Amino acid sequence: MPRPCNTCRHPELTAINAELARGTPRLTVARQFGLPETSVRRHFHLHLPDYLLFENEDERRKAARELREILWTTTARLRKQADHARDKHRGRAWLRTVRVLYPLLDIQARALGRKE
């Protein structure tokens, strides 16, 4: 059974989360609250509630739109690159491109709610 997160068990967890959400460097937060930097880093990536990362709902929606735009732009470029490699009979280049493209298409499908 994995060990509980040191940061999650800290008595000042709310203050730690607020500092991290504000953008305070993780090393500074670790020193301020007497925690190992690795613990704060893991907490930031794995346990920090998503709603703390955005000031309001509009910011969250804007970030989601930007992320979707980046995803769709990237998949479109990769599709074009794969088509070009296929047309030029460059099998290895096509295979390398498709290996990157398929996971992105899966993420895109999940974002659109088309795949579980």
Protein backbone atom coordinates (compact mmCIF):
# COMPACT_ATOMS: atom_id res chain seq x y z
CA MET A 1 0.00 0.00 0.00
CA PRO A 2 1.47 3.38 -0.97
CA ARG A 3 2.52 5.87 1.65
CA PRO A 4 0.16 8.80 2.28
CA CYS A 5 1.25 12.15 0.83
CA ASN A 6 3.24 14.19 3.38
CA THR A 7 1.84 17.40 1.95
CA CYS A 8 -1.77 16.17 2.11
CA ARG A 9 -1.28 15.28 5.78
CA HIS A 10 0.24 18.69 6.65
CA PRO A 11 -1.89 20.74 9.10
CA GLU A 12 -1.67 23.79 6.81
CA LEU A 13 -2.78 21.99 3.64
CA THR A 14 -5.21 24.75 2.63
CA ALA A 15 -2.48 27.39 2.79
CA ILE A 16 -0.09 25.16 0.84
CA ASN A 17 -2.67 24.59 -1.90
CA ALA A 18 -3.39 28.32 -2.05
CA GLU A 19 0.31 29.14 -2.47
CA LEU A 20 0.73 26.53 -5.19
CA ALA A 21 -2.39 27.74 -7.01
CA ARG A 22 -1.07 31.31 -6.83
CA GLY A 23 2.03 30.17 -8.70
CA THR A 24 4.51 30.31 -5.83
CA PRO A 25 7.53 28.16 -6.72
CA ARG A 26 7.33 24.69 -5.23
CA LEU A 27 10.76 24.98 -3.59
CA THR A 28 9.65 28.18 -1.84
CA VAL A 29 6.46 26.48 -0.61
CA ALA A 30 8.45 23.48 0.60
CA ARG A 31 10.83 25.66 2.59
CA GLN A 32 8.03 27.85 3.93
CA PHE A 33 6.10 24.86 5.33
CA GLY A 34 9.04 22.63 6.22
CA LEU A 35 8.35 19.93 3.62
CA PRO A 36 10.61 18.11 1.17
CA GLU A 37 10.51 19.71 -2.28
CA THR A 38 9.85 16.33 -3.89
CA SER A 39 6.75 15.88 -1.74
CA VAL A 40 5.41 19.31 -2.71
CA ARG A 41 6.17 18.65 -6.38
CA ARG A 42 4.34 15.30 -6.30
CA HIS A 43 1.42 16.90 -4.45
CA PHE A 44 1.23 19.67 -7.05
CA HIS A 45 1.13 17.22 -9.97
CA LEU A 46 -1.04 14.51 -8.41
CA HIS A 47 -3.19 15.90 -5.61
CA LEU A 48 -3.76 19.62 -6.13
CA PRO A 49 -7.49 20.09 -6.82
CA ASP A 50 -8.09 21.27 -10.39
CA TYR A 51 -10.49 24.00 -9.35
CA LEU A 52 -7.63 25.78 -7.56
CA LEU A 53 -5.68 26.23 -10.76
CA PHE A 54 -8.14 28.77 -12.21
CA GLU A 55 -9.50 31.92 -10.66
CA ASN A 56 -12.94 31.49 -12.18
CA GLU A 57 -14.97 29.34 -14.55
CA ASP A 58 -14.19 31.59 -17.54
CA GLU A 59 -10.45 31.01 -17.09
CA ARG A 60 -11.01 27.24 -16.89
CA ARG A 61 -13.07 27.27 -20.09
CA LYS A 62 -10.51 29.44 -21.86
CA ALA A 63 -7.68 27.06 -20.86
CA ALA A 64 -9.73 24.07 -22.05
CA ARG A 65 -10.41 25.77 -25.41
CA GLU A 66 -6.71 26.57 -25.84
CA LEU A 67 -5.75 23.00 -25.02
CA ARG A 68 -8.27 21.60 -27.52
CA GLU A 69 -6.99 24.02 -30.17
CA ILE A 70 -3.40 22.88 -29.61
CA LEU A 71 -4.48 19.24 -29.74
CA TRP A 72 -6.41 19.66 -33.00
CA THR A 73 -3.65 21.71 -34.62
CA THR A 74 -1.05 19.11 -33.68
CA THR A 75 -3.14 16.18 -34.93
CA ALA A 76 -3.85 18.01 -38.20
CA ARG A 77 -0.12 18.59 -38.75
CA LEU A 78 0.69 14.98 -37.96
CA ARG A 79 -2.01 13.73 -40.31
CA LYS A 80 -0.59 15.88 -43.08
CA GLN A 81 2.90 14.60 -42.32
CA ALA A 82 1.70 10.96 -42.32
CA ASP A 83 -0.12 11.46 -45.64
CA HIS A 84 3.00 13.00 -47.17
CA ALA A 85 5.18 10.10 -45.96
CA ARG A 86 2.67 7.57 -47.30
CA ASP A 87 2.48 9.31 -50.69
CA LYS A 88 6.29 9.34 -50.97
CA HIS A 89 6.47 5.64 -49.98
CA ARG A 90 8.53 6.43 -46.88
CA GLY A 91 7.29 3.64 -44.64
CA ARG A 92 9.55 4.28 -41.66
CA ALA A 93 8.67 7.98 -41.57
CA TRP A 94 4.99 7.11 -41.85
CA LEU A 95 5.25 4.58 -39.03
CA ARG A 96 7.03 7.05 -36.71
CA THR A 97 4.37 9.67 -37.39
CA VAL A 98 1.47 7.28 -36.86
CA ARG A 99 2.95 6.10 -33.55
CA VAL A 100 2.69 9.68 -32.29
CA LEU A 101 -0.61 10.41 -33.99
CA TYR A 102 -2.75 7.54 -32.66
CA PRO A 103 -2.45 8.42 -28.94
CA LEU A 104 -3.35 12.03 -29.78
CA LEU A 105 -6.40 10.89 -31.72
CA ASP A 106 -7.44 8.82 -28.72
CA ILE A 107 -7.14 11.88 -26.47
CA GLN A 108 -9.11 13.92 -28.99
CA ALA A 109 -11.87 11.30 -29.08
CA ARG A 110 -12.08 11.31 -25.29
CA ALA A 111 -12.26 15.11 -25.26
CA LEU A 112 -15.19 14.94 -27.66
CA GLY A 113 -16.83 12.25 -25.54
CA ARG A 114 -16.74 9.65 -28.29
CA LYS A 115 -14.73 7.02 -26.48
CA GLU A 116 -14.72 5.61 -22.96
